[in-house]
C-alpha atoms as a PDB file:
ATOM      1  CA  MET A   1     -49.214  -4.467  -5.025  1.00  0.00           C
ATOM      2  CA  HIS A   2     -45.799  -2.945  -4.584  1.00  0.00           C
ATOM      3  CA  TYR A   3     -42.985  -4.571  -2.580  1.00  0.00           C
ATOM      4  CA  PRO A   4     -40.016  -2.214  -2.250  1.00  0.00           C
ATOM      5  CA  MET A   5     -36.848  -3.700  -0.800  1.00  0.00           C
ATOM      6  CA  ILE A   6     -36.232  -2.258   2.668  1.00  0.00           C
ATOM      7  CA  HIS A   7     -33.371  -4.241   4.199  1.00  0.00           C
ATOM      8  CA  ILE A   8     -31.170  -7.308   4.190  1.00  0.00           C
ATOM      9  CA  CYS A   9     -30.075  -8.954   7.450  1.00  0.00           C
ATOM     10  CA  TYR A  10     -26.714 -10.425   8.401  1.00  0.00           C
ATOM     11  CA  ARG A  11     -26.115 -12.107  11.761  1.00  0.00           C
ATOM     12  CA  VAL A  12     -22.728 -11.040  13.079  1.00  0.00           C
ATOM     13  CA  MET A  13     -20.317 -12.230  15.776  1.00  0.00           C
ATOM     14  CA  ASP A  14     -18.798  -8.817  16.639  1.00  0.00           C
ATOM     15  CA  LEU A  15     -21.242  -5.943  16.122  1.00  0.00           C
ATOM     16  CA  GLU A  16     -18.687  -3.172  16.581  1.00  0.00           C
ATOM     17  CA  ALA A  17     -16.254  -4.724  14.095  1.00  0.00           C
ATOM     18  CA  SER A  18     -19.027  -5.167  11.522  1.00  0.00           C
ATOM     19  CA  GLU A  19     -20.327  -1.610  11.983  1.00  0.00           C
ATOM     20  CA  LYS A  20     -16.787  -0.262  11.617  1.00  0.00           C
ATOM     21  CA  PHE A  21     -16.213  -2.325   8.452  1.00  0.00           C
ATOM     22  CA  TYR A  22     -19.307  -1.019   6.657  1.00  0.00           C
ATOM     23  CA  GLN A  23     -18.734   2.553   7.849  1.00  0.00           C
ATOM     24  CA  GLU A  24     -15.067   2.694   6.865  1.00  0.00           C
ATOM     25  CA  ALA A  25     -15.131   0.549   3.732  1.00  0.00           C
ATOM     26  CA  PHE A  26     -18.343   1.905   2.194  1.00  0.00           C
ATOM     27  CA  GLY A  27     -19.343   5.078   4.036  1.00  0.00           C
ATOM     28  CA  PHE A  28     -22.509   3.577   5.521  1.00  0.00           C
ATOM     29  CA  THR A  29     -23.983   5.332   8.550  1.00  0.00           C
ATOM     30  CA  ILE A  30     -25.924   3.853  11.455  1.00  0.00           C
ATOM     31  CA  SER A  31     -29.515   4.956  10.923  1.00  0.00           C
ATOM     32  CA  ARG A  32     -30.863   3.335  14.071  1.00  0.00           C
ATOM     33  CA  LYS A  33     -29.810   0.857  16.707  1.00  0.00           C
ATOM     34  CA  LYS A  34     -31.813  -0.919  19.387  1.00  0.00           C
ATOM     35  CA  ASP A  35     -30.883  -3.336  22.157  1.00  0.00           C
ATOM     36  CA  TYR A  36     -33.380  -6.028  23.132  1.00  0.00           C
ATOM     37  CA  PRO A  37     -31.968  -7.439  26.385  1.00  0.00           C
ATOM     38  CA  GLU A  38     -35.111  -9.489  27.050  1.00  0.00           C
ATOM     39  CA  GLY A  39     -34.559 -11.253  23.729  1.00  0.00           C
ATOM     40  CA  GLY A  40     -30.767 -11.337  23.998  1.00  0.00           C
ATOM     41  CA  PHE A  41     -29.953  -9.411  20.820  1.00  0.00           C
ATOM     42  CA  THR A  42     -29.145  -6.010  19.295  1.00  0.00           C
ATOM     43  CA  LEU A  43     -30.224  -4.719  15.895  1.00  0.00           C
ATOM     44  CA  SER A  44     -28.107  -2.133  14.108  1.00  0.00           C
ATOM     45  CA  TYR A  45     -29.337  -0.655  10.820  1.00  0.00           C
ATOM     46  CA  LEU A  46     -26.866   0.941   8.415  1.00  0.00           C
ATOM     47  CA  GLN A  47     -27.640   2.969   5.307  1.00  0.00           C
ATOM     48  CA  CYS A  48     -25.809   4.340   2.351  1.00  0.00           C
ATOM     49  CA  PRO A  49     -26.485   8.089   2.695  1.00  0.00           C
ATOM     50  CA  GLY A  50     -29.401   9.188   0.535  1.00  0.00           C
ATOM     51  CA  LEU A  51     -30.892   5.727   0.026  1.00  0.00           C
ATOM     52  CA  PRO A  52     -33.746   4.132   2.019  1.00  0.00           C
ATOM     53  CA  PHE A  53     -32.429   0.531   1.780  1.00  0.00           C
ATOM     54  CA  GLU A  54     -30.784  -0.683   4.995  1.00  0.00           C
ATOM     55  CA  LEU A  55     -28.313  -3.345   6.050  1.00  0.00           C
ATOM     56  CA  GLU A  56     -29.552  -4.877   9.300  1.00  0.00           C
ATOM     57  CA  LEU A  57     -26.796  -6.298  11.484  1.00  0.00           C
ATOM     58  CA  THR A  58     -28.183  -8.677  14.092  1.00  0.00           C
ATOM     59  CA  TYR A  59     -25.994  -9.437  17.079  1.00  0.00           C
ATOM     60  CA  ASN A  60     -27.193 -12.245  19.335  1.00  0.00           C
ATOM     61  CA  TYR A  61     -25.627 -11.914  22.776  1.00  0.00           C
ATOM     62  CA  ASP A  62     -22.832 -14.382  23.469  1.00  0.00           C
ATOM     63  CA  PRO A  63     -22.881 -16.428  20.265  1.00  0.00           C
ATOM     64  CA  GLU A  64     -21.154 -19.756  20.797  1.00  0.00           C
ATOM     65  CA  LYS A  65     -19.710 -20.203  17.307  1.00  0.00           C
ATOM     66  CA  PRO A  66     -19.653 -18.360  13.978  1.00  0.00           C
ATOM     67  CA  TYR A  67     -22.731 -18.591  11.795  1.00  0.00           C
ATOM     68  CA  VAL A  68     -22.631 -20.880   8.780  1.00  0.00           C
ATOM     69  CA  ILE A  69     -22.869 -18.699   5.686  1.00  0.00           C
ATOM     70  CA  GLY A  70     -23.409 -21.620   3.339  1.00  0.00           C
ATOM     71  CA  ASP A  71     -22.184 -22.375  -0.127  1.00  0.00           C
ATOM     72  CA  GLY A  72     -24.654 -20.197  -2.028  1.00  0.00           C
ATOM     73  CA  TYR A  73     -23.384 -17.132  -3.830  1.00  0.00           C
ATOM     74  CA  SER A  74     -25.358 -14.626  -1.757  1.00  0.00           C
ATOM     75  CA  HIS A  75     -23.937 -11.143  -1.368  1.00  0.00           C
ATOM     76  CA  LEU A  76     -24.677  -7.467  -0.969  1.00  0.00           C
ATOM     77  CA  ALA A  77     -23.676  -5.248  -3.908  1.00  0.00           C
ATOM     78  CA  VAL A  78     -22.646  -1.590  -4.001  1.00  0.00           C
ATOM     79  CA  ALA A  79     -21.691   0.582  -6.988  1.00  0.00           C
ATOM     80  CA  THR A  80     -18.740   2.897  -7.586  1.00  0.00           C
ATOM     81  CA  ASP A  81     -17.717   5.118 -10.463  1.00  0.00           C
ATOM     82  CA  ASP A  82     -14.026   4.426  -9.719  1.00  0.00           C
ATOM     83  CA  LEU A  83     -13.649   0.661  -9.558  1.00  0.00           C
ATOM     84  CA  GLU A  84      -9.846   0.630  -9.722  1.00  0.00           C
ATOM     85  CA  GLY A  85      -9.519   3.388  -7.098  1.00  0.00           C
ATOM     86  CA  SER A  86     -11.982   1.646  -4.809  1.00  0.00           C
ATOM     87  CA  HIS A  87     -10.136  -1.655  -5.219  1.00  0.00           C
ATOM     88  CA  GLN A  88      -6.839   0.034  -4.323  1.00  0.00           C
ATOM     89  CA  ARG A  89      -8.415   1.791  -1.306  1.00  0.00           C
ATOM     90  CA  HIS A  90      -9.854  -1.458   0.071  1.00  0.00           C
ATOM     91  CA  SER A  91      -6.536  -3.247  -0.544  1.00  0.00           C
ATOM     92  CA  ASP A  92      -4.662  -0.441   1.241  1.00  0.00           C
ATOM     93  CA  MET A  93      -7.075  -0.791   4.188  1.00  0.00           C
ATOM     94  CA  GLY A  94      -5.880  -4.385   4.546  1.00  0.00           C
ATOM     95  CA  LEU A  95      -9.291  -5.839   3.676  1.00  0.00           C
ATOM     96  CA  THR A  96      -9.680  -9.193   1.960  1.00  0.00           C
ATOM     97  CA  VAL A  97     -10.390  -8.358  -1.691  1.00  0.00           C
ATOM     98  CA  THR A  98     -10.544 -10.457  -4.832  1.00  0.00           C
ATOM     99  CA  PRO A  99      -8.783  -9.425  -8.018  1.00  0.00           C
ATOM    100  CA  LEU A 100     -10.738  -7.183 -10.379  1.00  0.00           C
ATOM    101  CA  LYS A 101     -12.998  -9.376 -12.540  1.00  0.00           C
ATOM    102  CA  GLY A 102     -15.303  -9.232 -15.528  1.00  0.00           C
ATOM    103  CA  LEU A 103     -18.016 -11.501 -16.838  1.00  0.00           C
ATOM    104  CA  THR A 104     -16.366 -11.566 -20.265  1.00  0.00           C
ATOM    105  CA  ALA A 105     -13.145 -10.330 -21.839  1.00  0.00           C
ATOM    106  CA  GLY A 106     -12.555  -6.616 -21.566  1.00  0.00           C
ATOM    107  CA  GLN A 107     -12.428  -4.068 -18.782  1.00  0.00           C
ATOM    108  CA  PRO A 108     -13.061  -5.409 -15.253  1.00  0.00           C
ATOM    109  CA  ARG A 109     -16.571  -4.780 -13.912  1.00  0.00           C
ATOM    110  CA  PHE A 110     -16.427  -5.883 -10.262  1.00  0.00           C
ATOM    111  CA  TYR A 111     -14.575  -7.340  -7.283  1.00  0.00           C
ATOM    112  CA  PHE A 112     -15.551  -8.671  -3.858  1.00  0.00           C
ATOM    113  CA  VAL A 113     -14.606  -7.534  -0.344  1.00  0.00           C
ATOM    114  CA  THR A 114     -15.100  -9.870   2.629  1.00  0.00           C
ATOM    115  CA  ASP A 115     -16.537  -8.491   5.871  1.00  0.00           C
ATOM    116  CA  PRO A 116     -15.466  -9.614   9.384  1.00  0.00           C
ATOM    117  CA  ASP A 117     -18.003 -12.458   9.384  1.00  0.00           C
ATOM    118  CA  GLY A 118     -17.160 -13.770   5.937  1.00  0.00           C
ATOM    119  CA  PHE A 119     -20.028 -12.124   4.043  1.00  0.00           C
ATOM    120  CA  ARG A 120     -19.002 -10.867   0.613  1.00  0.00           C
ATOM    121  CA  VAL A 121     -19.765  -7.400  -0.726  1.00  0.00           C
ATOM    122  CA  GLU A 122     -19.632  -7.038  -4.492  1.00  0.00           C
ATOM    123  CA  VAL A 123     -18.292  -3.704  -5.691  1.00  0.00           C
ATOM    124  CA  VAL A 124     -19.580  -3.022  -9.207  1.00  0.00           C
ATOM    125  CA  ARG A 125     -18.491  -0.401 -11.726  1.00  0.00           C
ATOM    126  CA  SER A 126     -21.448   1.989 -12.010  1.00  0.00           C
ATOM    127  CA  THR A 127     -20.505   3.504 -15.355  1.00  0.00           C
ATOM    128  CA  PRO A 128     -20.507   1.541 -18.604  1.00  0.00           C
ATOM    129  CA  SER A 129     -17.125   0.374 -19.858  1.00  0.00           C
END
């Protein structure tokens, strides 16, 4: 049996703000979007162009309070061949970014960007250092 990854889901408080974040920060595009008024929610699927994996943003109508993300270290990861340039771009956009980091001494390998709901996106250097 084969189980390809198809999507990850985040529940969001402000669908438009979340869509804008992923489009502007990472170049994702909305691949499909559907409102379910009878169920009280909207699903918005975003993709990195050229890849089948999707980020599903679920917006439940009129949420009363922000979702609890938890204390696990869950995150979405994307790759870039220009880690320092990407870090500068996200900083210049006014996004919440961590310093460049590495798992050991040497050249940094990654950093995190926080989305409007507090989910973290890891940006990883795609070329070996």
